[in-house]
Amino acid sequence: TRRNAFRYAGAVEAAFLIDEMDVEIIADGIHLPPDLLKLIC
């Protein structure tokens, strides 16, 4: 996201950066399309 023109990593990126963070995903194929499912995995 941008704040005062500067880019910041959001909560999604933090989930990726913190190895021990657990995540739940709604894997119905609609809330998250195949490309995002593959990226999360």
PDB file of all heavy atoms in Angstrom:
ATOM      1  N   THR A   1       0.838  -1.200   0.000  1.00  0.00           N
ATOM      2  CA  THR A   1       0.000   0.000   0.000  1.00  0.00           C
ATOM      3  C   THR A   1       0.875   1.254   0.000  1.00  0.00           C
ATOM      4  O   THR A   1       2.080   1.187   0.261  1.00  0.00           O
ATOM      5  CB  THR A   1      -0.920   0.006   1.242  1.00  0.00           C
ATOM      6  OG1 THR A   1      -1.859   1.060   1.131  1.00  0.00           O
ATOM      7  CG2 THR A   1      -0.135   0.142   2.527  1.00  0.00           C
ATOM      8  N   ARG A   2       0.275   2.393  -0.325  1.00  0.00           N
ATOM      9  CA  ARG A   2       0.990   3.675  -0.296  1.00  0.00           C
ATOM     10  C   ARG A   2       0.470   4.553   0.848  1.00  0.00           C
ATOM     11  O   ARG A   2      -0.734   4.614   1.081  1.00  0.00           O
ATOM     12  CB  ARG A   2       0.786   4.430  -1.606  1.00  0.00           C
ATOM     13  CG  ARG A   2       1.617   3.926  -2.769  1.00  0.00           C
ATOM     14  CD  ARG A   2       1.392   4.820  -3.982  1.00  0.00           C
ATOM     15  NE  ARG A   2       2.086   4.365  -5.159  1.00  0.00           N
ATOM     16  CZ  ARG A   2       3.333   4.695  -5.495  1.00  0.00           C
ATOM     17  NH1 ARG A   2       4.015   5.507  -4.697  1.00  0.00           N
ATOM     18  NH2 ARG A   2       3.880   4.235  -6.596  1.00  0.00           N
ATOM     19  N   ARG A   3       1.394   5.205   1.523  1.00  0.00           N
ATOM     20  CA  ARG A   3       1.067   6.214   2.518  1.00  0.00           C
ATOM     21  C   ARG A   3       2.018   7.383   2.309  1.00  0.00           C
ATOM     22  O   ARG A   3       3.245   7.187   2.343  1.00  0.00           O
ATOM     23  CB  ARG A   3       1.178   5.653   3.939  1.00  0.00           C
ATOM     24  CG  ARG A   3       0.150   4.571   4.232  1.00  0.00           C
ATOM     25  CD  ARG A   3       0.190   4.070   5.651  1.00  0.00           C
ATOM     26  NE  ARG A   3      -0.823   3.034   5.864  1.00  0.00           N
ATOM     27  CZ  ARG A   3      -1.017   2.409   7.023  1.00  0.00           C
ATOM     28  NH1 ARG A   3      -0.262   2.708   8.075  1.00  0.00           N
ATOM     29  NH2 ARG A   3      -1.954   1.492   7.131  1.00  0.00           N
ATOM     30  N   ASN A   4       1.459   8.573   2.062  1.00  0.00           N
ATOM     31  CA  ASN A   4       2.275   9.748   1.760  1.00  0.00           C
ATOM     32  C   ASN A   4       3.256   9.472   0.620  1.00  0.00           C
ATOM     33  O   ASN A   4       4.424   9.854   0.671  1.00  0.00           O
ATOM     34  CB  ASN A   4       3.040  10.212   3.007  1.00  0.00           C
ATOM     35  CG  ASN A   4       2.115  10.638   4.119  1.00  0.00           C
ATOM     36  OD1 ASN A   4       1.078  11.256   3.876  1.00  0.00           O
ATOM     37  ND2 ASN A   4       2.474  10.289   5.358  1.00  0.00           N
ATOM     38  N   ALA A   5       2.736   8.755  -0.386  1.00  0.00           N
ATOM     39  CA  ALA A   5       3.465   8.437  -1.625  1.00  0.00           C
ATOM     40  C   ALA A   5       4.477   7.304  -1.467  1.00  0.00           C
ATOM     41  O   ALA A   5       4.953   6.769  -2.469  1.00  0.00           O
ATOM     42  CB  ALA A   5       4.165   9.675  -2.195  1.00  0.00           C
ATOM     43  N   PHE A   6       4.798   6.909  -0.241  1.00  0.00           N
ATOM     44  CA  PHE A   6       5.763   5.833  -0.021  1.00  0.00           C
ATOM     45  C   PHE A   6       5.049   4.484   0.015  1.00  0.00           C
ATOM     46  O   PHE A   6       3.949   4.364   0.553  1.00  0.00           O
ATOM     47  CB  PHE A   6       6.535   6.049   1.283  1.00  0.00           C
ATOM     48  CG  PHE A   6       7.461   7.227   1.244  1.00  0.00           C
ATOM     49  CD1 PHE A   6       7.039   8.469   1.700  1.00  0.00           C
ATOM     50  CD2 PHE A   6       8.749   7.102   0.744  1.00  0.00           C
ATOM     51  CE1 PHE A   6       7.885   9.567   1.671  1.00  0.00           C
ATOM     52  CE2 PHE A   6       9.609   8.187   0.709  1.00  0.00           C
ATOM     53  CZ  PHE A   6       9.173   9.429   1.162  1.00  0.00           C
ATOM     54  N   ARG A   7       5.692   3.477  -0.528  1.00  0.00           N
ATOM     55  CA  ARG A   7       5.140   2.125  -0.498  1.00  0.00           C
ATOM     56  C   ARG A   7       5.508   1.433   0.810  1.00  0.00           C
ATOM     57  O   ARG A   7       6.624   1.573   1.310  1.00  0.00           O
ATOM     58  CB  ARG A   7       5.652   1.288  -1.670  1.00  0.00           C
ATOM     59  CG  ARG A   7       5.044   1.631  -3.002  1.00  0.00           C
ATOM     60  CD  ARG A   7       5.413   0.586  -4.049  1.00  0.00           C
ATOM     61  NE  ARG A   7       4.846   0.925  -5.336  1.00  0.00           N
ATOM     62  CZ  ARG A   7       5.451   1.653  -6.264  1.00  0.00           C
ATOM     63  NH1 ARG A   7       6.668   2.130  -6.024  1.00  0.00           N
ATOM     64  NH2 ARG A   7       4.873   1.906  -7.418  1.00  0.00           N
ATOM     65  N   TYR A   8       4.544   0.639   1.311  1.00  0.00           N
ATOM     66  CA  TYR A   8       4.758  -0.155   2.522  1.00  0.00           C
ATOM     67  C   TYR A   8       4.250  -1.569   2.288  1.00  0.00           C
ATOM     68  O   TYR A   8       3.215  -1.760   1.636  1.00  0.00           O
ATOM     69  CB  TYR A   8       4.012   0.449   3.712  1.00  0.00           C
ATOM     70  CG  TYR A   8       4.536   1.785   4.158  1.00  0.00           C
ATOM     71  CD1 TYR A   8       4.081   2.965   3.562  1.00  0.00           C
ATOM     72  CD2 TYR A   8       5.490   1.884   5.169  1.00  0.00           C
ATOM     73  CE1 TYR A   8       4.554   4.210   3.959  1.00  0.00           C
ATOM     74  CE2 TYR A   8       5.966   3.124   5.587  1.00  0.00           C
ATOM     75  CZ  TYR A   8       5.499   4.280   4.975  1.00  0.00           C
ATOM     76  OH  TYR A   8       5.972   5.496   5.370  1.00  0.00           O
ATOM     77  N   ALA A   9       4.964  -2.521   2.836  1.00  0.00           N
ATOM     78  CA  ALA A   9       4.468  -3.896   2.817  1.00  0.00           C
ATOM     79  C   ALA A   9       3.249  -3.981   3.725  1.00  0.00           C
ATOM     80  O   ALA A   9       3.211  -3.367   4.801  1.00  0.00           O
ATOM     81  CB  ALA A   9       5.551  -4.855   3.293  1.00  0.00           C
ATOM     82  N   GLY A  10       2.245  -4.736   3.297  1.00  0.00           N
ATOM     83  CA  GLY A  10       1.026  -4.871   4.070  1.00  0.00           C
ATOM     84  C   GLY A  10       1.003  -6.131   4.922  1.00  0.00           C
ATOM     85  O   GLY A  10       2.024  -6.818   5.085  1.00  0.00           O
ATOM     86  N   ALA A  11      -0.169  -6.440   5.435  1.00  0.00           N
ATOM     87  CA  ALA A  11      -0.324  -7.636   6.268  1.00  0.00           C
ATOM     88  C   ALA A  11      -0.035  -8.901   5.481  1.00  0.00           C
ATOM     89  O   ALA A  11       0.547  -9.864   6.007  1.00  0.00           O
ATOM     90  CB  ALA A  11      -1.736  -7.680   6.844  1.00  0.00           C
ATOM     91  N   VAL A  12      -0.428  -8.925   4.219  1.00  0.00           N
ATOM     92  CA  VAL A  12      -0.181 -10.118   3.400  1.00  0.00           C
ATOM     93  C   VAL A  12       1.312 -10.399   3.297  1.00  0.00           C
ATOM     94  O   VAL A  12       1.766 -11.538   3.488  1.00  0.00           O
ATOM     95  CB  VAL A  12      -0.789  -9.944   1.992  1.00  0.00           C
ATOM     96  CG1 VAL A  12      -0.374 -11.097   1.082  1.00  0.00           C
ATOM     97  CG2 VAL A  12      -2.308  -9.860   2.068  1.00  0.00           C
ATOM     98  N   GLU A  13       2.086  -9.347   3.000  1.00  0.00           N
ATOM     99  CA  GLU A  13       3.531  -9.539   2.884  1.00  0.00           C
ATOM    100  C   GLU A  13       4.141  -9.945   4.222  1.00  0.00           C
ATOM    101  O   GLU A  13       5.085 -10.749   4.271  1.00  0.00           O
ATOM    102  CB  GLU A  13       4.199  -8.260   2.348  1.00  0.00           C
ATOM    103  CG  GLU A  13       3.912  -7.973   0.885  1.00  0.00           C
ATOM    104  CD  GLU A  13       2.497  -7.478   0.630  1.00  0.00           C
ATOM    105  OE1 GLU A  13       1.940  -6.780   1.515  1.00  0.00           O
ATOM    106  OE2 GLU A  13       1.941  -7.793  -0.439  1.00  0.00           O
ATOM    107  N   ALA A  14       3.610  -9.416   5.316  1.00  0.00           N
ATOM    108  CA  ALA A  14       4.115  -9.810   6.639  1.00  0.00           C
ATOM    109  C   ALA A  14       3.883 -11.288   6.884  1.00  0.00           C
ATOM    110  O   ALA A  14       4.732 -11.976   7.471  1.00  0.00           O
ATOM    111  CB  ALA A  14       3.437  -8.977   7.724  1.00  0.00           C
ATOM    112  N   ALA A  15       2.733 -11.798   6.441  1.00  0.00           N
ATOM    113  CA  ALA A  15       2.462 -13.235   6.593  1.00  0.00           C
ATOM    114  C   ALA A  15       3.502 -14.061   5.852  1.00  0.00           C
ATOM    115  O   ALA A  15       3.892 -15.142   6.304  1.00  0.00           O
ATOM    116  CB  ALA A  15       1.059 -13.557   6.065  1.00  0.00           C
ATOM    117  N   PHE A  16       3.968 -13.547   4.713  1.00  0.00           N
ATOM    118  CA  PHE A  16       4.987 -14.260   3.944  1.00  0.00           C
ATOM    119  C   PHE A  16       6.367 -14.127   4.566  1.00  0.00           C
ATOM    120  O   PHE A  16       7.179 -15.061   4.534  1.00  0.00           O
ATOM    121  CB  PHE A  16       5.022 -13.729   2.511  1.00  0.00           C
ATOM    122  CG  PHE A  16       3.796 -14.068   1.696  1.00  0.00           C
ATOM    123  CD1 PHE A  16       3.444 -13.285   0.607  1.00  0.00           C
ATOM    124  CD2 PHE A  16       3.002 -15.156   2.001  1.00  0.00           C
ATOM    125  CE1 PHE A  16       2.328 -13.586  -0.160  1.00  0.00           C
ATOM    126  CE2 PHE A  16       1.882 -15.471   1.252  1.00  0.00           C
ATOM    127  CZ  PHE A  16       1.542 -14.685   0.164  1.00  0.00           C
ATOM    128  N   LEU A  17       6.641 -12.966   5.162  1.00  0.00           N
ATOM    129  CA  LEU A  17       7.969 -12.713   5.720  1.00  0.00           C
ATOM    130  C   LEU A  17       8.192 -13.406   7.060  1.00  0.00           C
ATOM    131  O   LEU A  17       9.329 -13.750   7.405  1.00  0.00           O
ATOM    132  CB  LEU A  17       8.187 -11.208   5.874  1.00  0.00           C
ATOM    133  CG  LEU A  17       8.378 -10.441   4.555  1.00  0.00           C
ATOM    134  CD1 LEU A  17       8.272  -8.937   4.789  1.00  0.00           C
ATOM    135  CD2 LEU A  17       9.719 -10.788   3.923  1.00  0.00           C
ATOM    136  N   ILE A  18       7.128 -13.597   7.831  1.00  0.00           N
ATOM    137  CA  ILE A  18       7.256 -14.279   9.132  1.00  0.00           C
ATOM    138  C   ILE A  18       7.045 -15.773   8.900  1.00  0.00           C
ATOM    139  O   ILE A  18       5.921 -16.245   8.713  1.00  0.00           O
ATOM    140  CB  ILE A  18       6.230 -13.741  10.145  1.00  0.00           C
ATOM    141  CG1 ILE A  18       6.402 -12.231  10.334  1.00  0.00           C
ATOM    142  CG2 ILE A  18       6.384 -14.459  11.486  1.00  0.00           C
ATOM    143  CD1 ILE A  18       5.318 -11.583  11.179  1.00  0.00           C
ATOM    144  N   ASP A  19       8.112 -16.523   8.891  1.00  0.00           N
ATOM    145  CA  ASP A  19       8.033 -17.946   8.548  1.00  0.00           C
ATOM    146  C   ASP A  19       7.072 -18.704   9.442  1.00  0.00           C
ATOM    147  O   ASP A  19       6.358 -19.607   8.999  1.00  0.00           O
ATOM    148  CB  ASP A  19       9.422 -18.586   8.644  1.00  0.00           C
ATOM    149  CG  ASP A  19      10.374 -18.104   7.561  1.00  0.00           C
ATOM    150  OD1 ASP A  19       9.880 -17.592   6.523  1.00  0.00           O
ATOM    151  OD2 ASP A  19      11.606 -18.217   7.753  1.00  0.00           O
ATOM    152  N   GLU A  20       7.032 -18.343  10.738  1.00  0.00           N
ATOM    153  CA  GLU A  20       6.231 -19.106  11.690  1.00  0.00           C
ATOM    154  C   GLU A  20       4.764 -18.689  11.715  1.00  0.00           C
ATOM    155  O   GLU A  20       3.964 -19.306  12.432  1.00  0.00           O
ATOM    156  CB  GLU A  20       6.813 -18.951  13.101  1.00  0.00           C
ATOM    157  CG  GLU A  20       8.227 -19.503  13.273  1.00  0.00           C
ATOM    158  CD  GLU A  20       9.291 -18.510  12.803  1.00  0.00           C
ATOM    159  OE1 GLU A  20       8.913 -17.373  12.432  1.00  0.00           O
ATOM    160  OE2 GLU A  20      10.477 -18.872  12.807  1.00  0.00           O
ATOM    161  N   MET A  21       4.397 -17.669  10.974  1.00  0.00           N
ATOM    162  CA  MET A  21       3.003 -17.228  10.955  1.00  0.00           C
ATOM    163  C   MET A  21       2.133 -18.267  10.250  1.00  0.00           C
ATOM    164  O   MET A  21       2.381 -18.632   9.107  1.00  0.00           O
ATOM    165  CB  MET A  21       2.862 -15.891  10.241  1.00  0.00           C
ATOM    166  CG  MET A  21       1.438 -15.352  10.167  1.00  0.00           C
ATOM    167  SD  MET A  21       0.805 -14.752  11.758  1.00  0.00           S
ATOM    168  CE  MET A  21       1.589 -13.130  11.839  1.00  0.00           C
ATOM    169  N   ASP A  22       1.096 -18.742  10.949  1.00  0.00           N
ATOM    170  CA  ASP A  22       0.121 -19.643  10.330  1.00  0.00           C
ATOM    171  C   ASP A  22      -0.938 -18.814   9.610  1.00  0.00           C
ATOM    172  O   ASP A  22      -1.264 -17.702  10.043  1.00  0.00           O
ATOM    173  CB  ASP A  22      -0.559 -20.516  11.393  1.00  0.00           C
ATOM    174  CG  ASP A  22       0.383 -21.523  12.011  1.00  0.00           C
ATOM    175  OD1 ASP A  22       1.214 -22.091  11.284  1.00  0.00           O
ATOM    176  OD2 ASP A  22       0.289 -21.756  13.237  1.00  0.00           O
ATOM    177  N   VAL A  23      -1.457 -19.354   8.530  1.00  0.00           N
ATOM    178  CA  VAL A  23      -2.510 -18.658   7.788  1.00  0.00           C
ATOM    179  C   VAL A  23      -3.632 -19.632   7.471  1.00  0.00           C
ATOM    180  O   VAL A  23      -3.395 -20.824   7.266  1.00  0.00           O
ATOM    181  CB  VAL A  23      -1.979 -18.029   6.476  1.00  0.00           C
ATOM    182  CG1 VAL A  23      -0.870 -17.032   6.768  1.00  0.00           C
ATOM    183  CG2 VAL A  23      -1.499 -19.089   5.488  1.00  0.00           C
ATOM    184  N   GLU A  24      -4.856 -19.106   7.460  1.00  0.00           N
ATOM    185  CA  GLU A  24      -5.964 -19.881   6.929  1.00  0.00           C
ATOM    186  C   GLU A  24      -6.375 -19.259   5.598  1.00  0.00           C
ATOM    187  O   GLU A  24      -6.275 -18.037   5.413  1.00  0.00           O
ATOM    188  CB  GLU A  24      -7.151 -19.917   7.900  1.00  0.00           C
ATOM    189  CG  GLU A  24      -7.712 -18.552   8.251  1.00  0.00           C
ATOM    190  CD  GLU A  24      -9.137 -18.594   8.798  1.00  0.00           C
ATOM    191  OE1 GLU A  24      -9.374 -19.285   9.787  1.00  0.00           O
ATOM    192  OE2 GLU A  24     -10.010 -17.892   8.225  1.00  0.00           O
ATOM    193  N   ILE A  25      -6.805 -20.092   4.660  1.00  0.00           N
ATOM    194  CA  ILE A  25      -7.227 -19.592   3.358  1.00  0.00           C
ATOM    195  C   ILE A  25      -8.563 -20.219   2.969  1.00  0.00           C
ATOM    196  O   ILE A  25      -8.835 -21.381   3.265  1.00  0.00           O
ATOM    197  CB  ILE A  25      -6.178 -19.863   2.258  1.00  0.00           C
ATOM    198  CG1 ILE A  25      -5.894 -21.358   2.104  1.00  0.00           C
ATOM    199  CG2 ILE A  25      -4.893 -19.104   2.557  1.00  0.00           C
ATOM    200  CD1 ILE A  25      -4.965 -21.689   0.943  1.00  0.00           C
ATOM    201  N   ILE A  26      -9.396 -19.399   2.329  1.00  0.00           N
ATOM    202  CA  ILE A  26     -10.676 -19.882   1.811  1.00  0.00           C
ATOM    203  C   ILE A  26     -10.407 -20.419   0.404  1.00  0.00           C
ATOM    204  O   ILE A  26     -10.422 -19.677  -0.576  1.00  0.00           O
ATOM    205  CB  ILE A  26     -11.728 -18.760   1.775  1.00  0.00           C
ATOM    206  CG1 ILE A  26     -11.834 -18.064   3.126  1.00  0.00           C
ATOM    207  CG2 ILE A  26     -13.084 -19.325   1.363  1.00  0.00           C
ATOM    208  CD1 ILE A  26     -12.667 -16.797   3.104  1.00  0.00           C
ATOM    209  N   ALA A  27     -10.153 -21.693   0.317  1.00  0.00           N
ATOM    210  CA  ALA A  27      -9.712 -22.305  -0.940  1.00  0.00           C
ATOM    211  C   ALA A  27     -10.894 -22.824  -1.756  1.00  0.00           C
ATOM    212  O   ALA A  27     -10.945 -23.991  -2.149  1.00  0.00           O
ATOM    213  CB  ALA A  27      -8.717 -23.428  -0.660  1.00  0.00           C
ATOM    214  N   ASP A  28     -11.839 -21.916  -2.023  1.00  0.00           N
ATOM    215  CA  ASP A  28     -12.986 -22.320  -2.831  1.00  0.00           C
ATOM    216  C   ASP A  28     -12.769 -22.062  -4.316  1.00  0.00           C
ATOM    217  O   ASP A  28     -13.640 -22.327  -5.145  1.00  0.00           O
ATOM    218  CB  ASP A  28     -14.263 -21.612  -2.362  1.00  0.00           C
ATOM    219  CG  ASP A  28     -14.162 -20.091  -2.418  1.00  0.00           C
ATOM    220  OD1 ASP A  28     -13.094 -19.578  -2.808  1.00  0.00           O
ATOM    221  OD2 ASP A  28     -15.151 -19.416  -2.070  1.00  0.00           O
ATOM    222  N   GLY A  29     -11.584 -21.498  -4.656  1.00  0.00           N
ATOM    223  CA  GLY A  29     -11.294 -21.194  -6.043  1.00  0.00           C
ATOM    224  C   GLY A  29     -11.883 -19.874  -6.499  1.00  0.00           C
ATOM    225  O   GLY A  29     -11.702 -19.477  -7.648  1.00  0.00           O
ATOM    226  N   ILE A  30     -12.589 -19.169  -5.605  1.00  0.00           N
ATOM    227  CA  ILE A  30     -13.218 -17.889  -5.935  1.00  0.00           C
ATOM    228  C   ILE A  30     -12.624 -16.775  -5.075  1.00  0.00           C
ATOM    229  O   ILE A  30     -12.171 -15.756  -5.592  1.00  0.00           O
ATOM    230  CB  ILE A  30     -14.741 -17.971  -5.749  1.00  0.00           C
ATOM    231  CG1 ILE A  30     -15.321 -19.025  -6.706  1.00  0.00           C
ATOM    232  CG2 ILE A  30     -15.392 -16.610  -5.995  1.00  0.00           C
ATOM    233  CD1 ILE A  30     -16.794 -19.268  -6.539  1.00  0.00           C
ATOM    234  N   HIS A  31     -12.622 -16.950  -3.771  1.00  0.00           N
ATOM    235  CA  HIS A  31     -11.993 -15.951  -2.907  1.00  0.00           C
ATOM    236  C   HIS A  31     -10.523 -15.777  -3.286  1.00  0.00           C
ATOM    237  O   HIS A  31      -9.992 -14.668  -3.223  1.00  0.00           O
ATOM    238  CB  HIS A  31     -12.101 -16.369  -1.441  1.00  0.00           C
ATOM    239  CG  HIS A  31     -13.439 -16.079  -0.834  1.00  0.00           C
ATOM    240  ND1 HIS A  31     -14.542 -16.866  -1.070  1.00  0.00           N
ATOM    241  CD2 HIS A  31     -13.853 -15.092   0.002  1.00  0.00           C
ATOM    242  CE1 HIS A  31     -15.579 -16.377  -0.408  1.00  0.00           C
ATOM    243  NE2 HIS A  31     -15.190 -15.297   0.248  1.00  0.00           N
ATOM    244  N   LEU A  32      -9.870 -16.869  -3.627  1.00  0.00           N
ATOM    245  CA  LEU A  32      -8.476 -16.836  -4.068  1.00  0.00           C
ATOM    246  C   LEU A  32      -8.367 -17.617  -5.379  1.00  0.00           C
ATOM    247  O   LEU A  32      -8.658 -18.810  -5.410  1.00  0.00           O
ATOM    248  CB  LEU A  32      -7.554 -17.455  -3.025  1.00  0.00           C
ATOM    249  CG  LEU A  32      -7.477 -16.737  -1.670  1.00  0.00           C
ATOM    250  CD1 LEU A  32      -6.701 -17.579  -0.667  1.00  0.00           C
ATOM    251  CD2 LEU A  32      -6.847 -15.361  -1.812  1.00  0.00           C
ATOM    252  N   PRO A  33      -7.947 -16.968  -6.455  1.00  0.00           N
ATOM    253  CA  PRO A  33      -7.798 -17.676  -7.727  1.00  0.00           C
ATOM    254  C   PRO A  33      -6.591 -18.605  -7.700  1.00  0.00           C
ATOM    255  O   PRO A  33      -5.747 -18.517  -6.793  1.00  0.00           O
ATOM    256  CB  PRO A  33      -7.614 -16.536  -8.735  1.00  0.00           C
ATOM    257  CG  PRO A  33      -7.017 -15.426  -7.927  1.00  0.00           C
ATOM    258  CD  PRO A  33      -7.626 -15.542  -6.560  1.00  0.00           C
ATOM    259  N   PRO A  34      -6.470 -19.496  -8.672  1.00  0.00           N
ATOM    260  CA  PRO A  34      -5.388 -20.489  -8.667  1.00  0.00           C
ATOM    261  C   PRO A  34      -3.991 -19.898  -8.499  1.00  0.00           C
ATOM    262  O   PRO A  34      -3.165 -20.448  -7.765  1.00  0.00           O
ATOM    263  CB  PRO A  34      -5.547 -21.184 -10.018  1.00  0.00           C
ATOM    264  CG  PRO A  34      -7.002 -21.086 -10.318  1.00  0.00           C
ATOM    265  CD  PRO A  34      -7.423 -19.742  -9.781  1.00  0.00           C
ATOM    266  N   ASP A  35      -3.690 -18.757  -9.152  1.00  0.00           N
ATOM    267  CA  ASP A  35      -2.354 -18.188  -9.047  1.00  0.00           C
ATOM    268  C   ASP A  35      -2.011 -17.797  -7.614  1.00  0.00           C
ATOM    269  O   ASP A  35      -0.877 -17.982  -7.159  1.00  0.00           O
ATOM    270  CB  ASP A  35      -2.221 -16.962  -9.962  1.00  0.00           C
ATOM    271  CG  ASP A  35      -2.117 -17.349 -11.431  1.00  0.00           C
ATOM    272  OD1 ASP A  35      -1.868 -18.536 -11.719  1.00  0.00           O
ATOM    273  OD2 ASP A  35      -2.295 -16.461 -12.285  1.00  0.00           O
ATOM    274  N   LEU A  36      -2.980 -17.243  -6.891  1.00  0.00           N
ATOM    275  CA  LEU A  36      -2.712 -16.875  -5.498  1.00  0.00           C
ATOM    276  C   LEU A  36      -2.607 -18.099  -4.605  1.00  0.00           C
ATOM    277  O   LEU A  36      -1.805 -18.114  -3.658  1.00  0.00           O
ATOM    278  CB  LEU A  36      -3.785 -15.914  -4.986  1.00  0.00           C
ATOM    279  CG  LEU A  36      -3.727 -14.485  -5.518  1.00  0.00           C
ATOM    280  CD1 LEU A  36      -4.800 -13.618  -4.863  1.00  0.00           C
ATOM    281  CD2 LEU A  36      -2.351 -13.862  -5.315  1.00  0.00           C
ATOM    282  N   LEU A  37      -3.402 -19.116  -4.869  1.00  0.00           N
ATOM    283  CA  LEU A  37      -3.273 -20.364  -4.106  1.00  0.00           C
ATOM    284  C   LEU A  37      -1.865 -20.942  -4.276  1.00  0.00           C
ATOM    285  O   LEU A  37      -1.230 -21.372  -3.306  1.00  0.00           O
ATOM    286  CB  LEU A  37      -4.323 -21.376  -4.565  1.00  0.00           C
ATOM    287  CG  LEU A  37      -5.783 -21.032  -4.270  1.00  0.00           C
ATOM    288  CD1 LEU A  37      -6.710 -22.072  -4.901  1.00  0.00           C
ATOM    289  CD2 LEU A  37      -6.043 -20.933  -2.771  1.00  0.00           C
ATOM    290  N   LYS A  38      -1.373 -20.931  -5.504  1.00  0.00           N
ATOM    291  CA  LYS A  38      -0.024 -21.454  -5.774  1.00  0.00           C
ATOM    292  C   LYS A  38       1.032 -20.592  -5.096  1.00  0.00           C
ATOM    293  O   LYS A  38       2.021 -21.103  -4.551  1.00  0.00           O
ATOM    294  CB  LYS A  38       0.211 -21.505  -7.280  1.00  0.00           C
ATOM    295  CG  LYS A  38      -0.638 -22.535  -8.002  1.00  0.00           C
ATOM    296  CD  LYS A  38      -0.450 -22.437  -9.514  1.00  0.00           C
ATOM    297  CE  LYS A  38      -1.367 -23.409 -10.255  1.00  0.00           C
ATOM    298  NZ  LYS A  38      -1.249 -23.288 -11.723  1.00  0.00           N
ATOM    299  N   LEU A  39       0.840 -19.267  -5.130  1.00  0.00           N
ATOM    300  CA  LEU A  39       1.803 -18.364  -4.497  1.00  0.00           C
ATOM    301  C   LEU A  39       1.864 -18.600  -2.994  1.00  0.00           C
ATOM    302  O   LEU A  39       2.960 -18.681  -2.408  1.00  0.00           O
ATOM    303  CB  LEU A  39       1.415 -16.911  -4.778  1.00  0.00           C
ATOM    304  CG  LEU A  39       2.272 -15.836  -4.089  1.00  0.00           C
ATOM    305  CD1 LEU A  39       3.713 -15.897  -4.573  1.00  0.00           C
ATOM    306  CD2 LEU A  39       1.685 -14.447  -4.311  1.00  0.00           C
ATOM    307  N   ILE A  40       0.720 -18.719  -2.354  1.00  0.00           N
ATOM    308  CA  ILE A  40       0.697 -18.956  -0.907  1.00  0.00           C
ATOM    309  C   ILE A  40       1.421 -20.249  -0.567  1.00  0.00           C
ATOM    310  O   ILE A  40       2.224 -20.304   0.375  1.00  0.00           O
ATOM    311  CB  ILE A  40      -0.751 -18.990  -0.392  1.00  0.00           C
ATOM    312  CG1 ILE A  40      -1.409 -17.612  -0.558  1.00  0.00           C
ATOM    313  CG2 ILE A  40      -0.794 -19.406   1.082  1.00  0.00           C
ATOM    314  CD1 ILE A  40      -2.914 -17.635  -0.383  1.00  0.00           C
ATOM    315  N   CYS A  41       1.159 -21.297  -1.325  1.00  0.00           N
ATOM    316  CA  CYS A  41       1.819 -22.578  -1.071  1.00  0.00           C
ATOM    317  C   CYS A  41       3.326 -22.471  -1.290  1.00  0.00           C
ATOM    318  O   CYS A  41       4.126 -23.033  -0.525  1.00  0.00           O
ATOM    319  CB  CYS A  41       1.244 -23.657  -1.985  1.00  0.00           C
ATOM    320  SG  CYS A  41      -0.453 -24.120  -1.612  1.00  0.00           S
TER     321      CYS A  41
END
